[in-house]
Amino acid sequence: MAKRQRTTEQRGTIRIGLSGWRYVPWRGVFYPKGLAQRRELEYASRRFSTIEINGSFYALQTPGAYARWHDETPDDFVFSVKGGRYITHMLRLRNCATALANFFASGIANLGEKLGPILWQLPPSYAFDRAALDAFFRELPRDSDEASALARRHDDKVAGRVACRFGVPQQLRYALEVRHPTFVNEAFVDLLRQHRVALVVADTAGKWPYAEDLTADFTYVRLHGDEELYVSGYSNTAIDQWCDRLVAWSEGRAARDARLISSAASSDRDARDVFCYFDNDAKVMAPRDAHGLYERIRKAGARVAIPVGIEIGSPSAGDIPPDLPGARESWPAVRTRSAARKP
């Protein structure tokens, strides 16, 4: 697989994207009619600058899949990768050295320079356990050399389908999403800062804890639904509010009405990269909301990664390469919130 060098970005770049890309309800709505399923990532990656790989949460992927995803996307594209639920939900972060080795051996090295943050999502039943989290964070490799060394300790579960060597030396970034009320705890925030792990800002329509503490040199945001989890879209007012927050975080400052766990604000005022993923509206409204937020941030003059298929100054989602079927079709009409409800 050819390794390509990404254009150098200044710290403080905002990337807006999608949690996953392969959803049946998107076909004929976000994806044009007639677009082959195998070209959906190619299409989505030209309308957004980042996508969260969430298939890796359910099962180990393969080196061939990661290599293909690398090659199907533009040079400046970035993937976030969701860590396996076997580690978070079954092992519950304990005795997971071999599982971590298998995860890093499964092929994420083939993303090369397109590898962004790695996300770990804890189950709602997992309460704050300082000792277990501290031990887990210490096991995580901090750069590509450490990740390669860890991957070589894999077991037979991935034998014959292993990729351990990163072609591009890089630092690794981690984010943690929590769902138990015991994490509303200053000791938790302190632990994240100690290990430079980002606290995921997760909008879950009030179902699980919400906090905006800045704990790493980047911010990771997951928008699961404005009023109803995984179902409701985001209103114009909500999109404006998220724009204000993302711009503030990219500039290294808290939002004006920040909701913080820790009374001790981060001492780091440097610009932060921001990764924001929409995972709302039963996977239907996410592309529209993501594009709407991108447009707000672009018009605000913030440093935002521009997808290669969008013409600067165009009010639409724009100039997708013409070899993609249906690429010149207009964006579908906005669906109302009530129309987006599950039946």
C-alpha atoms as a PDB file:
ATOM      1  CA  MET A   1       0.000   0.000   0.000  1.00  0.00           C
ATOM      2  CA  ALA A   2       1.420   3.367  -0.973  1.00  0.00           C
ATOM      3  CA  LYS A   3       1.911   5.756   1.932  1.00  0.00           C
ATOM      4  CA  ARG A   4       0.999   9.364   1.262  1.00  0.00           C
ATOM      5  CA  GLN A   5       1.991  12.336   3.359  1.00  0.00           C
ATOM      6  CA  ARG A   6      -0.896  14.436   4.598  1.00  0.00           C
ATOM      7  CA  THR A   7      -0.766  18.171   4.107  1.00  0.00           C
ATOM      8  CA  THR A   8       0.546  19.741   7.322  1.00  0.00           C
ATOM      9  CA  GLU A   9      -2.227  21.154   9.476  1.00  0.00           C
ATOM     10  CA  GLN A  10      -1.965  23.766  12.178  1.00  0.00           C
ATOM     11  CA  ARG A  11      -3.180  22.755  15.625  1.00  0.00           C
ATOM     12  CA  GLY A  12      -6.747  23.879  16.168  1.00  0.00           C
ATOM     13  CA  THR A  13      -8.282  22.305  13.058  1.00  0.00           C
ATOM     14  CA  ILE A  14     -11.930  21.248  13.330  1.00  0.00           C
ATOM     15  CA  ARG A  15     -13.069  18.116  11.529  1.00  0.00           C
ATOM     16  CA  ILE A  16     -16.768  17.332  11.126  1.00  0.00           C
ATOM     17  CA  GLY A  17     -17.916  13.886  10.093  1.00  0.00           C
ATOM     18  CA  LEU A  18     -20.038  10.789  10.527  1.00  0.00           C
ATOM     19  CA  SER A  19     -20.081   7.814  12.859  1.00  0.00           C
ATOM     20  CA  GLY A  20     -19.904   5.033  10.288  1.00  0.00           C
ATOM     21  CA  TRP A  21     -20.939   5.182   6.650  1.00  0.00           C
ATOM     22  CA  ARG A  22     -22.690   1.936   5.708  1.00  0.00           C
ATOM     23  CA  TYR A  23     -26.385   2.345   6.564  1.00  0.00           C
ATOM     24  CA  VAL A  24     -29.252   1.094   4.445  1.00  0.00           C
ATOM     25  CA  PRO A  25     -31.557   4.095   5.199  1.00  0.00           C
ATOM     26  CA  TRP A  26     -28.954   6.454   3.705  1.00  0.00           C
ATOM     27  CA  ARG A  27     -29.235   4.865   0.267  1.00  0.00           C
ATOM     28  CA  GLY A  28     -31.260   7.050  -2.026  1.00  0.00           C
ATOM     29  CA  VAL A  29     -31.325   9.792   0.666  1.00  0.00           C
ATOM     30  CA  PHE A  30     -27.699  10.739   1.334  1.00  0.00           C
ATOM     31  CA  TYR A  31     -26.197   8.381  -1.224  1.00  0.00           C
ATOM     32  CA  PRO A  32     -27.489   8.890  -4.772  1.00  0.00           C
ATOM     33  CA  LYS A  33     -29.661   6.205  -6.306  1.00  0.00           C
ATOM     34  CA  GLY A  34     -27.569   3.769  -8.246  1.00  0.00           C
ATOM     35  CA  LEU A  35     -24.385   4.297  -6.229  1.00  0.00           C
ATOM     36  CA  ALA A  36     -22.736   0.921  -5.669  1.00  0.00           C
ATOM     37  CA  GLN A  37     -22.371  -0.025  -2.004  1.00  0.00           C
ATOM     38  CA  ARG A  38     -18.623  -0.514  -2.460  1.00  0.00           C
ATOM     39  CA  ARG A  39     -18.329   3.194  -3.384  1.00  0.00           C
ATOM     40  CA  GLU A  40     -20.191   4.601  -0.381  1.00  0.00           C
ATOM     41  CA  LEU A  41     -17.023   5.373   1.580  1.00  0.00           C
ATOM     42  CA  GLU A  42     -15.511   6.982  -1.504  1.00  0.00           C
ATOM     43  CA  TYR A  43     -18.593   9.198  -1.773  1.00  0.00           C
ATOM     44  CA  ALA A  44     -18.932  10.076   1.927  1.00  0.00           C
ATOM     45  CA  SER A  45     -15.227  10.860   2.305  1.00  0.00           C
ATOM     46  CA  ARG A  46     -15.545  13.566  -0.326  1.00  0.00           C
ATOM     47  CA  ARG A  47     -18.342  15.322   1.534  1.00  0.00           C
ATOM     48  CA  PHE A  48     -16.789  15.089   4.998  1.00  0.00           C
ATOM     49  CA  SER A  49     -13.203  15.265   6.248  1.00  0.00           C
ATOM     50  CA  THR A  50     -13.429  12.455   8.806  1.00  0.00           C
ATOM     51  CA  ILE A  51     -15.397   9.304   9.598  1.00  0.00           C
ATOM     52  CA  GLU A  52     -15.501   7.163  12.706  1.00  0.00           C
ATOM     53  CA  ILE A  53     -14.916   3.456  12.015  1.00  0.00           C
ATOM     54  CA  ASN A  54     -17.333   1.687  14.355  1.00  0.00           C
ATOM     55  CA  GLY A  55     -17.302  -1.808  12.857  1.00  0.00           C
ATOM     56  CA  SER A  56     -14.089  -2.313  14.850  1.00  0.00           C
ATOM     57  CA  PHE A  57     -16.194  -2.039  18.020  1.00  0.00           C
ATOM     58  CA  TYR A  58     -18.144  -5.187  17.145  1.00  0.00           C
ATOM     59  CA  ALA A  59     -15.359  -7.333  15.697  1.00  0.00           C
ATOM     60  CA  LEU A  60     -11.710  -7.191  14.716  1.00  0.00           C
ATOM     61  CA  GLN A  61     -11.383  -5.912  11.176  1.00  0.00           C
ATOM     62  CA  THR A  62      -8.712  -7.105   8.728  1.00  0.00           C
ATOM     63  CA  PRO A  63      -5.528  -5.545   7.364  1.00  0.00           C
ATOM     64  CA  GLY A  64      -7.026  -5.698   3.884  1.00  0.00           C
ATOM     65  CA  ALA A  65     -10.092  -3.733   4.956  1.00  0.00           C
ATOM     66  CA  TYR A  66      -8.032  -0.985   6.586  1.00  0.00           C
ATOM     67  CA  ALA A  67      -5.748  -0.782   3.545  1.00  0.00           C
ATOM     68  CA  ARG A  68      -8.752  -0.511   1.234  1.00  0.00           C
ATOM     69  CA  TRP A  69     -10.331   2.236   3.364  1.00  0.00           C
ATOM     70  CA  HIS A  70      -7.037   4.113   3.289  1.00  0.00           C
ATOM     71  CA  ASP A  71      -6.829   3.956  -0.489  1.00  0.00           C
ATOM     72  CA  GLU A  72     -10.490   4.825  -1.146  1.00  0.00           C
ATOM     73  CA  THR A  73     -10.298   8.157   0.694  1.00  0.00           C
ATOM     74  CA  PRO A  74      -8.627  11.489  -0.125  1.00  0.00           C
ATOM     75  CA  ASP A  75      -5.094  12.289   1.007  1.00  0.00           C
ATOM     76  CA  ASP A  76      -6.160  14.680   3.775  1.00  0.00           C
ATOM     77  CA  PHE A  77      -8.888  12.429   5.159  1.00  0.00           C
ATOM     78  CA  VAL A  78      -8.771  11.161   8.780  1.00  0.00           C
ATOM     79  CA  PHE A  79     -10.370   8.102  10.386  1.00  0.00           C
ATOM     80  CA  SER A  80     -11.130   7.674  14.045  1.00  0.00           C
ATOM     81  CA  VAL A  81     -11.222   4.038  15.137  1.00  0.00           C
ATOM     82  CA  LYS A  82     -13.526   2.669  17.820  1.00  0.00           C
ATOM     83  CA  GLY A  83     -11.867   0.170  20.133  1.00  0.00           C
ATOM     84  CA  GLY A  84     -13.385  -3.272  20.535  1.00  0.00           C
ATOM     85  CA  ARG A  85     -16.250  -3.968  22.912  1.00  0.00           C
ATOM     86  CA  TYR A  86     -14.501  -7.219  23.843  1.00  0.00           C
ATOM     87  CA  ILE A  87     -12.009  -5.033  25.724  1.00  0.00           C
ATOM     88  CA  THR A  88     -14.465  -2.509  27.158  1.00  0.00           C
ATOM     89  CA  HIS A  89     -17.654  -4.512  27.709  1.00  0.00           C
ATOM     90  CA  MET A  90     -16.518  -8.102  28.226  1.00  0.00           C
ATOM     91  CA  LEU A  91     -13.066  -7.833  29.778  1.00  0.00           C
ATOM     92  CA  ARG A  92     -14.066  -4.487  31.295  1.00  0.00           C
ATOM     93  CA  LEU A  93     -10.520  -3.170  30.793  1.00  0.00           C
ATOM     94  CA  ARG A  94      -8.931  -5.926  32.925  1.00  0.00           C
ATOM     95  CA  ASN A  95      -6.423  -8.561  31.796  1.00  0.00           C
ATOM     96  CA  CYS A  96      -6.650  -7.191  28.296  1.00  0.00           C
ATOM     97  CA  ALA A  97      -2.989  -7.112  27.186  1.00  0.00           C
ATOM     98  CA  THR A  98      -3.498  -9.852  24.581  1.00  0.00           C
ATOM     99  CA  ALA A  99      -6.780  -8.356  23.390  1.00  0.00           C
ATOM    100  CA  LEU A 100      -5.056  -4.994  22.938  1.00  0.00           C
ATOM    101  CA  ALA A 101      -2.252  -6.689  21.009  1.00  0.00           C
ATOM    102  CA  ASN A 102      -4.815  -8.336  18.715  1.00  0.00           C
ATOM    103  CA  PHE A 103      -6.591  -5.009  18.191  1.00  0.00           C
ATOM    104  CA  PHE A 104      -3.384  -3.251  17.154  1.00  0.00           C
ATOM    105  CA  ALA A 105      -2.323  -6.224  15.021  1.00  0.00           C
ATOM    106  CA  SER A 106      -5.647  -6.358  13.159  1.00  0.00           C
ATOM    107  CA  GLY A 107      -4.612  -3.752  10.611  1.00  0.00           C
ATOM    108  CA  ILE A 108      -5.105  -0.205  11.899  1.00  0.00           C
ATOM    109  CA  ALA A 109      -1.445   0.374  11.008  1.00  0.00           C
ATOM    110  CA  ASN A 110      -2.569   0.238   7.378  1.00  0.00           C
ATOM    111  CA  LEU A 111      -4.460   3.501   7.854  1.00  0.00           C
ATOM    112  CA  GLY A 112      -1.031   5.125   7.993  1.00  0.00           C
ATOM    113  CA  GLU A 113      -1.120   8.906   8.129  1.00  0.00           C
ATOM    114  CA  LYS A 114      -4.949   8.795   8.057  1.00  0.00           C
ATOM    115  CA  LEU A 115      -5.189   7.311  11.549  1.00  0.00           C
ATOM    116  CA  GLY A 116      -6.795   9.776  13.943  1.00  0.00           C
ATOM    117  CA  PRO A 117      -7.935   9.262  17.549  1.00  0.00           C
ATOM    118  CA  ILE A 118      -8.828   5.857  18.938  1.00  0.00           C
ATOM    119  CA  LEU A 119     -12.136   5.863  20.835  1.00  0.00           C
ATOM    120  CA  TRP A 120     -12.980   3.675  23.820  1.00  0.00           C
ATOM    121  CA  GLN A 121     -16.637   3.590  24.882  1.00  0.00           C
ATOM    122  CA  LEU A 122     -17.520   2.151  28.281  1.00  0.00           C
ATOM    123  CA  PRO A 123     -20.887   0.459  28.915  1.00  0.00           C
ATOM    124  CA  PRO A 124     -23.538   2.182  31.078  1.00  0.00           C
ATOM    125  CA  SER A 125     -22.951  -0.416  33.807  1.00  0.00           C
ATOM    126  CA  TYR A 126     -19.257   0.445  34.168  1.00  0.00           C
ATOM    127  CA  ALA A 127     -18.745   2.650  37.243  1.00  0.00           C
ATOM    128  CA  PHE A 128     -15.683   4.807  37.828  1.00  0.00           C
ATOM    129  CA  ASP A 129     -12.759   2.618  38.910  1.00  0.00           C
ATOM    130  CA  ARG A 130      -9.611   4.700  39.213  1.00  0.00           C
ATOM    131  CA  ALA A 131      -7.229   1.766  39.574  1.00  0.00           C
ATOM    132  CA  ALA A 132      -8.603  -0.144  36.581  1.00  0.00           C
ATOM    133  CA  LEU A 133      -8.621   2.915  34.339  1.00  0.00           C
ATOM    134  CA  ASP A 134      -5.123   3.949  35.380  1.00  0.00           C
ATOM    135  CA  ALA A 135      -3.797   0.467  34.613  1.00  0.00           C
ATOM    136  CA  PHE A 136      -5.574   0.405  31.240  1.00  0.00           C
ATOM    137  CA  PHE A 137      -4.270   3.816  30.208  1.00  0.00           C
ATOM    138  CA  ARG A 138      -0.726   2.709  31.082  1.00  0.00           C
ATOM    139  CA  GLU A 139      -1.075  -0.279  28.751  1.00  0.00           C
ATOM    140  CA  LEU A 140      -2.017   1.866  25.749  1.00  0.00           C
ATOM    141  CA  PRO A 141       0.836   2.479  23.290  1.00  0.00           C
ATOM    142  CA  ARG A 142       1.608   6.164  22.896  1.00  0.00           C
ATOM    143  CA  ASP A 143       3.212   6.119  19.465  1.00  0.00           C
ATOM    144  CA  SER A 144       3.393   3.925  16.389  1.00  0.00           C
ATOM    145  CA  ASP A 145       6.621   2.213  17.500  1.00  0.00           C
ATOM    146  CA  GLU A 146       5.032   1.152  20.792  1.00  0.00           C
ATOM    147  CA  ALA A 147       1.892   0.054  18.934  1.00  0.00           C
ATOM    148  CA  SER A 148       3.948  -2.097  16.549  1.00  0.00           C
ATOM    149  CA  ALA A 149       5.770  -3.716  19.466  1.00  0.00           C
ATOM    150  CA  LEU A 150       2.474  -4.436  21.231  1.00  0.00           C
ATOM    151  CA  ALA A 151       0.887  -5.816  18.042  1.00  0.00           C
ATOM    152  CA  ARG A 152       3.665  -8.409  17.719  1.00  0.00           C
ATOM    153  CA  ARG A 153       2.435  -9.971  20.963  1.00  0.00           C
ATOM    154  CA  HIS A 154      -0.837 -11.029  19.315  1.00  0.00           C
ATOM    155  CA  ASP A 155      -2.169 -14.552  19.704  1.00  0.00           C
ATOM    156  CA  ASP A 156      -3.563 -17.065  17.216  1.00  0.00           C
ATOM    157  CA  LYS A 157      -6.910 -15.249  17.000  1.00  0.00           C
ATOM    158  CA  VAL A 158      -5.476 -12.978  14.297  1.00  0.00           C
ATOM    159  CA  ALA A 159      -2.835 -15.354  12.941  1.00  0.00           C
ATOM    160  CA  GLY A 160      -2.459 -15.041   9.195  1.00  0.00           C
ATOM    161  CA  ARG A 161      -4.134 -11.626   9.015  1.00  0.00           C
ATOM    162  CA  VAL A 162      -1.788  -9.284  10.819  1.00  0.00           C
ATOM    163  CA  ALA A 163      -0.312  -5.864  10.045  1.00  0.00           C
ATOM    164  CA  CYS A 164       2.015  -4.549  12.736  1.00  0.00           C
ATOM    165  CA  ARG A 165       4.184  -2.027  10.941  1.00  0.00           C
ATOM    166  CA  PHE A 166       3.154   1.621  10.717  1.00  0.00           C
ATOM    167  CA  GLY A 167       4.616   3.170   7.584  1.00  0.00           C
ATOM    168  CA  VAL A 168       4.400   6.687   9.043  1.00  0.00           C
ATOM    169  CA  PRO A 169       5.802   7.412  12.541  1.00  0.00           C
ATOM    170  CA  GLN A 170       3.130   9.125  14.623  1.00  0.00           C
ATOM    171  CA  GLN A 171       1.847   9.828  18.088  1.00  0.00           C
ATOM    172  CA  LEU A 172      -1.370   8.060  19.068  1.00  0.00           C
ATOM    173  CA  ARG A 173      -4.384   9.806  20.569  1.00  0.00           C
ATOM    174  CA  TYR A 174      -7.111   8.298  22.740  1.00  0.00           C
ATOM    175  CA  ALA A 175     -10.608   9.399  23.770  1.00  0.00           C
ATOM    176  CA  LEU A 176     -12.929   7.861  26.367  1.00  0.00           C
ATOM    177  CA  GLU A 177     -16.742   7.964  26.375  1.00  0.00           C
ATOM    178  CA  VAL A 178     -18.421   7.150  29.708  1.00  0.00           C
ATOM    179  CA  ARG A 179     -22.041   6.457  30.599  1.00  0.00           C
ATOM    180  CA  HIS A 180     -22.213   5.950  34.379  1.00  0.00           C
ATOM    181  CA  PRO A 181     -23.016   8.821  36.799  1.00  0.00           C
ATOM    182  CA  THR A 182     -20.014   8.003  39.013  1.00  0.00           C
ATOM    183  CA  PHE A 183     -17.752   9.520  36.357  1.00  0.00           C
ATOM    184  CA  VAL A 184     -18.984  12.979  37.331  1.00  0.00           C
ATOM    185  CA  ASN A 185     -15.935  13.075  39.542  1.00  0.00           C
ATOM    186  CA  GLU A 186     -12.910  15.397  39.681  1.00  0.00           C
ATOM    187  CA  ALA A 187     -10.611  12.422  40.258  1.00  0.00           C
ATOM    188  CA  PHE A 188     -11.704  11.060  36.882  1.00  0.00           C
ATOM    189  CA  VAL A 189     -10.896  14.326  35.109  1.00  0.00           C
ATOM    190  CA  ASP A 190      -7.519  14.481  36.832  1.00  0.00           C
ATOM    191  CA  LEU A 191      -6.756  10.930  35.681  1.00  0.00           C
ATOM    192  CA  LEU A 192      -7.620  11.759  32.072  1.00  0.00           C
ATOM    193  CA  ARG A 193      -5.336  14.797  32.151  1.00  0.00           C
ATOM    194  CA  GLN A 194      -2.539  12.762  33.681  1.00  0.00           C
ATOM    195  CA  HIS A 195      -2.701  10.290  30.786  1.00  0.00           C
ATOM    196  CA  ARG A 196      -3.612  12.873  28.104  1.00  0.00           C
ATOM    197  CA  VAL A 197      -6.839  11.050  27.216  1.00  0.00           C
ATOM    198  CA  ALA A 198      -9.688  13.184  25.875  1.00  0.00           C
ATOM    199  CA  LEU A 199     -13.034  13.086  27.651  1.00  0.00           C
ATOM    200  CA  VAL A 200     -15.641  12.532  24.948  1.00  0.00           C
ATOM    201  CA  VAL A 201     -18.225  15.298  24.900  1.00  0.00           C
ATOM    202  CA  ALA A 202     -21.248  13.076  24.297  1.00  0.00           C
ATOM    203  CA  ASP A 203     -24.671  14.603  23.641  1.00  0.00           C
ATOM    204  CA  THR A 204     -27.073  11.784  24.516  1.00  0.00           C
ATOM    205  CA  ALA A 205     -30.334  13.724  24.891  1.00  0.00           C
ATOM    206  CA  GLY A 206     -29.850  13.695  28.671  1.00  0.00           C
ATOM    207  CA  LYS A 207     -29.686   9.899  29.012  1.00  0.00           C
ATOM    208  CA  TRP A 208     -26.064   9.711  30.201  1.00  0.00           C
ATOM    209  CA  PRO A 209     -23.634  12.148  31.881  1.00  0.00           C
ATOM    210  CA  TYR A 210     -22.526  15.200  29.937  1.00  0.00           C
ATOM    211  CA  ALA A 211     -19.366  17.204  30.559  1.00  0.00           C
ATOM    212  CA  GLU A 212     -16.997  19.431  28.599  1.00  0.00           C
ATOM    213  CA  ASP A 213     -13.726  19.233  30.550  1.00  0.00           C
ATOM    214  CA  LEU A 214     -10.685  19.648  28.286  1.00  0.00           C
ATOM    215  CA  THR A 215      -8.283  16.857  29.214  1.00  0.00           C
ATOM    216  CA  ALA A 216      -5.993  16.359  26.184  1.00  0.00           C
ATOM    217  CA  ASP A 217      -4.520  18.328  23.281  1.00  0.00           C
ATOM    218  CA  PHE A 218      -7.641  17.592  21.232  1.00  0.00           C
ATOM    219  CA  THR A 219     -11.384  17.417  21.810  1.00  0.00           C
ATOM    220  CA  TYR A 220     -13.621  14.541  20.714  1.00  0.00           C
ATOM    221  CA  VAL A 221     -17.369  15.115  20.289  1.00  0.00           C
ATOM    222  CA  ARG A 222     -20.147  12.590  19.589  1.00  0.00           C
ATOM    223  CA  LEU A 223     -23.633  13.930  18.849  1.00  0.00           C
ATOM    224  CA  HIS A 224     -26.154  11.119  19.371  1.00  0.00           C
ATOM    225  CA  GLY A 225     -29.359  13.176  19.189  1.00  0.00           C
ATOM    226  CA  ASP A 226     -30.672  16.553  20.272  1.00  0.00           C
ATOM    227  CA  GLU A 227     -33.934  15.566  21.984  1.00  0.00           C
ATOM    228  CA  GLU A 228     -34.247  11.806  21.439  1.00  0.00           C
ATOM    229  CA  LEU A 229     -31.270   9.446  21.516  1.00  0.00           C
ATOM    230  CA  TYR A 230     -30.186   8.267  18.032  1.00  0.00           C
ATOM    231  CA  VAL A 231     -33.397   9.621  16.532  1.00  0.00           C
ATOM    232  CA  SER A 232     -33.845  13.397  16.556  1.00  0.00           C
ATOM    233  CA  GLY A 233     -32.027  15.797  14.291  1.00  0.00           C
ATOM    234  CA  TYR A 234     -30.480  19.077  15.400  1.00  0.00           C
ATOM    235  CA  SER A 235     -32.319  22.379  15.032  1.00  0.00           C
ATOM    236  CA  ASN A 236     -30.660  25.479  13.597  1.00  0.00           C
ATOM    237  CA  THR A 237     -30.362  26.878  17.125  1.00  0.00           C
ATOM    238  CA  ALA A 238     -28.659  23.705  18.346  1.00  0.00           C
ATOM    239  CA  ILE A 239     -26.272  23.709  15.381  1.00  0.00           C
ATOM    240  CA  ASP A 240     -25.354  27.327  16.180  1.00  0.00           C
ATOM    241  CA  GLN A 241     -24.648  26.391  19.796  1.00  0.00           C
ATOM    242  CA  TRP A 242     -22.444  23.502  18.767  1.00  0.00           C
ATOM    243  CA  CYS A 243     -20.608  25.761  16.352  1.00  0.00           C
ATOM    244  CA  ASP A 244     -19.812  28.173  19.205  1.00  0.00           C
ATOM    245  CA  ARG A 245     -18.553  25.317  21.366  1.00  0.00           C
ATOM    246  CA  LEU A 246     -16.360  23.704  18.726  1.00  0.00           C
ATOM    247  CA  VAL A 247     -14.777  27.011  17.781  1.00  0.00           C
ATOM    248  CA  ALA A 248     -14.057  27.774  21.454  1.00  0.00           C
ATOM    249  CA  TRP A 249     -12.440  24.368  22.000  1.00  0.00           C
ATOM    250  CA  SER A 250     -10.363  24.706  18.845  1.00  0.00           C
ATOM    251  CA  GLU A 251      -9.006  27.956  20.281  1.00  0.00           C
ATOM    252  CA  GLY A 252      -8.120  26.293  23.585  1.00  0.00           C
ATOM    253  CA  ARG A 253     -10.848  27.844  25.709  1.00  0.00           C
ATOM    254  CA  ALA A 254     -13.991  26.632  27.423  1.00  0.00           C
ATOM    255  CA  ALA A 255     -17.416  27.405  26.002  1.00  0.00           C
ATOM    256  CA  ARG A 256     -19.181  30.428  27.499  1.00  0.00           C
ATOM    257  CA  ASP A 257     -21.674  28.250  29.392  1.00  0.00           C
ATOM    258  CA  ALA A 258     -19.336  25.299  29.888  1.00  0.00           C
ATOM    259  CA  ARG A 259     -20.579  22.349  31.926  1.00  0.00           C
ATOM    260  CA  LEU A 260     -17.497  21.120  33.761  1.00  0.00           C
ATOM    261  CA  ILE A 261     -16.857  18.356  36.261  1.00  0.00           C
ATOM    262  CA  SER A 262     -13.600  19.725  37.593  1.00  0.00           C
ATOM    263  CA  SER A 263     -13.342  23.098  39.298  1.00  0.00           C
ATOM    264  CA  ALA A 264      -9.727  23.241  38.101  1.00  0.00           C
ATOM    265  CA  ALA A 265      -9.821  24.321  34.463  1.00  0.00           C
ATOM    266  CA  SER A 266      -7.166  22.993  32.116  1.00  0.00           C
ATOM    267  CA  SER A 267      -3.996  25.071  32.314  1.00  0.00           C
ATOM    268  CA  ASP A 268      -3.386  24.437  28.609  1.00  0.00           C
ATOM    269  CA  ARG A 269      -4.712  27.350  26.566  1.00  0.00           C
ATOM    270  CA  ASP A 270      -3.163  26.226  23.283  1.00  0.00           C
ATOM    271  CA  ALA A 271      -5.276  25.562  20.222  1.00  0.00           C
ATOM    272  CA  ARG A 272      -6.834  22.093  20.118  1.00  0.00           C
ATOM    273  CA  ASP A 273      -7.834  19.900  17.219  1.00  0.00           C
ATOM    274  CA  VAL A 274     -11.526  19.016  17.355  1.00  0.00           C
ATOM    275  CA  PHE A 275     -13.136  15.860  15.970  1.00  0.00           C
ATOM    276  CA  CYS A 276     -16.949  15.895  15.855  1.00  0.00           C
ATOM    277  CA  TYR A 277     -19.097  12.959  14.733  1.00  0.00           C
ATOM    278  CA  PHE A 278     -22.857  12.777  14.221  1.00  0.00           C
ATOM    279  CA  ASP A 279     -24.516   9.516  15.276  1.00  0.00           C
ATOM    280  CA  ASN A 280     -28.128  10.693  15.393  1.00  0.00           C
ATOM    281  CA  ASP A 281     -31.576  10.224  13.883  1.00  0.00           C
ATOM    282  CA  ALA A 282     -31.368   6.481  13.308  1.00  0.00           C
ATOM    283  CA  LYS A 283     -28.485   7.207  10.914  1.00  0.00           C
ATOM    284  CA  VAL A 284     -30.602   9.300   8.499  1.00  0.00           C
ATOM    285  CA  MET A 285     -30.169  12.940   9.516  1.00  0.00           C
ATOM    286  CA  ALA A 286     -26.517  12.657  10.509  1.00  0.00           C
ATOM    287  CA  PRO A 287     -25.108  13.671   7.082  1.00  0.00           C
ATOM    288  CA  ARG A 288     -27.362  16.718   6.847  1.00  0.00           C
ATOM    289  CA  ASP A 289     -26.623  17.880  10.394  1.00  0.00           C
ATOM    290  CA  ALA A 290     -22.904  17.327   9.893  1.00  0.00           C
ATOM    291  CA  HIS A 291     -22.930  19.401   6.718  1.00  0.00           C
ATOM    292  CA  GLY A 292     -24.956  22.124   8.435  1.00  0.00           C
ATOM    293  CA  LEU A 293     -22.441  22.352  11.277  1.00  0.00           C
ATOM    294  CA  TYR A 294     -19.543  22.396   8.828  1.00  0.00           C
ATOM    295  CA  GLU A 295     -21.125  25.333   6.979  1.00  0.00           C
ATOM    296  CA  ARG A 296     -21.673  27.283  10.236  1.00  0.00           C
ATOM    297  CA  ILE A 297     -18.059  26.809  11.275  1.00  0.00           C
ATOM    298  CA  ARG A 298     -16.734  27.719   7.841  1.00  0.00           C
ATOM    299  CA  LYS A 299     -18.777  30.919   7.794  1.00  0.00           C
ATOM    300  CA  ALA A 300     -17.555  31.745  11.312  1.00  0.00           C
ATOM    301  CA  GLY A 301     -14.032  31.880   9.892  1.00  0.00           C
ATOM    302  CA  ALA A 302     -12.674  29.089  12.084  1.00  0.00           C
ATOM    303  CA  ARG A 303      -9.995  26.682  10.910  1.00  0.00           C
ATOM    304  CA  VAL A 304     -12.039  23.773   9.559  1.00  0.00           C
ATOM    305  CA  ALA A 305     -10.863  20.891   7.377  1.00  0.00           C
ATOM    306  CA  ILE A 306     -12.470  21.284   3.955  1.00  0.00           C
ATOM    307  CA  PRO A 307     -13.624  18.054   2.272  1.00  0.00           C
ATOM    308  CA  VAL A 308     -12.138  17.673  -1.196  1.00  0.00           C
ATOM    309  CA  GLY A 309     -15.599  17.507  -2.782  1.00  0.00           C
ATOM    310  CA  ILE A 310     -16.747  20.888  -1.476  1.00  0.00           C
ATOM    311  CA  GLU A 311     -15.997  24.058  -3.372  1.00  0.00           C
ATOM    312  CA  ILE A 312     -15.062  26.962  -1.133  1.00  0.00           C
ATOM    313  CA  GLY A 313     -17.847  29.508  -1.285  1.00  0.00           C
ATOM    314  CA  SER A 314     -20.451  27.050  -2.495  1.00  0.00           C
ATOM    315  CA  PRO A 315     -23.616  26.944  -0.373  1.00  0.00           C
ATOM    316  CA  SER A 316     -24.200  23.307  -1.267  1.00  0.00           C
ATOM    317  CA  ALA A 317     -22.376  20.091  -0.492  1.00  0.00           C
ATOM    318  CA  GLY A 318     -20.907  20.576  -3.833  1.00  0.00           C
ATOM    319  CA  ASP A 319     -18.419  19.415  -6.307  1.00  0.00           C
ATOM    320  CA  ILE A 320     -18.242  15.644  -5.934  1.00  0.00           C
ATOM    321  CA  PRO A 321     -16.065  13.998  -8.590  1.00  0.00           C
ATOM    322  CA  PRO A 322     -18.323  13.401 -11.612  1.00  0.00           C
ATOM    323  CA  ASP A 323     -17.384   9.719 -11.946  1.00  0.00           C
ATOM    324  CA  LEU A 324     -19.557   8.937  -8.925  1.00  0.00           C
ATOM    325  CA  PRO A 325     -23.094   8.037 -10.087  1.00  0.00           C
ATOM    326  CA  GLY A 326     -25.632  10.678  -9.194  1.00  0.00           C
ATOM    327  CA  ALA A 327     -22.945  12.998  -7.866  1.00  0.00           C
ATOM    328  CA  ARG A 328     -24.494  16.093  -9.406  1.00  0.00           C
ATOM    329  CA  GLU A 329     -27.918  15.502  -7.884  1.00  0.00           C
ATOM    330  CA  SER A 330     -29.089  18.135  -5.433  1.00  0.00           C
ATOM    331  CA  TRP A 331     -29.068  17.417  -1.718  1.00  0.00           C
ATOM    332  CA  PRO A 332     -32.402  15.885  -0.585  1.00  0.00           C
ATOM    333  CA  ALA A 333     -34.989  18.150   0.985  1.00  0.00           C
ATOM    334  CA  VAL A 334     -34.739  18.693   4.738  1.00  0.00           C
ATOM    335  CA  ARG A 335     -36.836  16.260   6.734  1.00  0.00           C
ATOM    336  CA  THR A 336     -38.670  17.661   9.716  1.00  0.00           C
ATOM    337  CA  ARG A 337     -37.959  16.434  13.211  1.00  0.00           C
ATOM    338  CA  SER A 338     -41.376  14.793  13.517  1.00  0.00           C
ATOM    339  CA  ALA A 339     -40.862  12.986  10.222  1.00  0.00           C
ATOM    340  CA  ALA A 340     -37.574  11.606  11.520  1.00  0.00           C
ATOM    341  CA  ARG A 341     -39.099   9.735  14.467  1.00  0.00           C
ATOM    342  CA  LYS A 342     -38.963   5.976  14.527  1.00  0.00           C
ATOM    343  CA  PRO A 343     -42.254   4.343  13.561  1.00  0.00           C
END
